[in-house]
Each structure stands twice: as C-alpha cells, then as structure tokens.
C-alpha atoms as a PDB file:
ATOM      1  CA  MET A   1     -16.638-120.521  -1.243  1.00  0.00           C
ATOM      2  CA  LEU A   2     -18.004-121.520  -4.652  1.00  0.00           C
ATOM      3  CA  VAL A   3     -19.124-125.028  -5.536  1.00  0.00           C
ATOM      4  CA  ARG A   4     -18.639-125.589  -9.262  1.00  0.00           C
ATOM      5  CA  ASP A   5     -19.653-128.263 -11.724  1.00  0.00           C
ATOM      6  CA  ARG A   6     -17.097-130.071 -13.849  1.00  0.00           C
ATOM      7  CA  ASP A   7     -17.302-127.293 -16.468  1.00  0.00           C
ATOM      8  CA  GLY A   8     -16.463-124.643 -13.888  1.00  0.00           C
ATOM      9  CA  THR A   9     -19.974-123.189 -13.677  1.00  0.00           C
ATOM     10  CA  ALA A  10     -20.885-121.971 -10.202  1.00  0.00           C
ATOM     11  CA  LEU A  11     -23.687-124.074  -8.701  1.00  0.00           C
ATOM     12  CA  ALA A  12     -23.745-123.028  -5.058  1.00  0.00           C
ATOM     13  CA  GLY A  13     -21.859-121.215  -2.364  1.00  0.00           C
ATOM     14  CA  LEU A  14     -20.747-122.199   1.124  1.00  0.00           C
ATOM     15  CA  SER A  15     -20.216-119.819   4.008  1.00  0.00           C
ATOM     16  CA  VAL A  16     -19.776-119.753   7.753  1.00  0.00           C
ATOM     17  CA  SER A  17     -21.639-117.475  10.102  1.00  0.00           C
ATOM     18  CA  MET A  18     -21.357-117.074  13.843  1.00  0.00           C
ATOM     19  CA  PRO A  19     -21.982-114.550  16.580  1.00  0.00           C
ATOM     20  CA  SER A  20     -19.272-111.903  16.583  1.00  0.00           C
ATOM     21  CA  VAL A  21     -18.340-112.809  20.163  1.00  0.00           C
ATOM     22  CA  ARG A  22     -17.238-116.259  18.908  1.00  0.00           C
ATOM     23  CA  TYR A  23     -15.164-114.926  16.010  1.00  0.00           C
ATOM     24  CA  ASP A  24     -11.442-115.481  16.474  1.00  0.00           C
ATOM     25  CA  PRO A  25      -9.242-114.100  13.672  1.00  0.00           C
ATOM     26  CA  HIS A  26      -6.614-116.701  14.530  1.00  0.00           C
ATOM     27  CA  ARG A  27      -9.035-119.422  13.353  1.00  0.00           C
ATOM     28  CA  LEU A  28      -9.812-117.778  10.001  1.00  0.00           C
ATOM     29  CA  GLN A  29      -7.249-119.784   8.026  1.00  0.00           C
ATOM     30  CA  SER A  30      -8.609-123.040   9.475  1.00  0.00           C
ATOM     31  CA  LEU A  31     -12.208-122.066   8.681  1.00  0.00           C
ATOM     32  CA  VAL A  32     -11.326-121.180   5.093  1.00  0.00           C
ATOM     33  CA  ALA A  33      -9.466-124.481   4.697  1.00  0.00           C
ATOM     34  CA  SER A  34     -12.506-126.380   6.006  1.00  0.00           C
ATOM     35  CA  LEU A  35     -14.823-124.555   3.607  1.00  0.00           C
ATOM     36  CA  ASP A  36     -12.464-125.236   0.718  1.00  0.00           C
ATOM     37  CA  ALA A  37     -12.333-128.953   1.567  1.00  0.00           C
ATOM     38  CA  ALA A  38     -16.130-129.126   1.834  1.00  0.00           C
ATOM     39  CA  ALA A  39     -16.570-127.369  -1.526  1.00  0.00           C
ATOM     40  CA  HIS A  40     -14.137-129.746  -3.227  1.00  0.00           C
ATOM     41  CA  ALA A  41     -15.867-132.775  -1.670  1.00  0.00           C
ATOM     42  CA  LEU A  42     -19.237-131.555  -2.969  1.00  0.00           C
ATOM     43  CA  GLU A  43     -17.781-130.955  -6.425  1.00  0.00           C
ATOM     44  CA  LYS A  44     -16.366-134.476  -6.467  1.00  0.00           C
ATOM     45  CA  ASP A  45     -19.669-136.010  -5.341  1.00  0.00           C
ATOM     46  CA  LEU A  46     -21.600-134.050  -7.960  1.00  0.00           C
ATOM     47  CA  ALA A  47     -19.177-135.075 -10.712  1.00  0.00           C
ATOM     48  CA  GLU A  48     -19.564-138.744  -9.776  1.00  0.00           C
ATOM     49  CA  GLN A  49     -23.367-138.514  -9.958  1.00  0.00           C
ATOM     50  CA  HIS A  50     -23.405-137.231 -13.537  1.00  0.00           C
END
C-alpha cells in the first residue's frame, strides 16, 4: 500500500507479512482495509506537518 505526499508522489510503502500457516484468505479484505486506513492516516499526518 503506497503512502503518498500531498502531490501524489510515493514516499513509502506498507505491507503485511506473516507465516503461511497463519494466512487466512477470508481475512484478506480486512487486512487490506487496515493497510489502507494506516496509509491514509500517515498521509494526513505528513500533510499536517508540512
């Protein structure tokens, strides 16, 4: 999941890793939603600092 600055330039990336035995495809949508929320929160925090 990309973290972008206010101009849309990619600054960082977020990901999730785990042992394959813990991977549950039924949780994928929830994990992606959590990553998306975290990326947007970081973008907001960065925008407020500059």
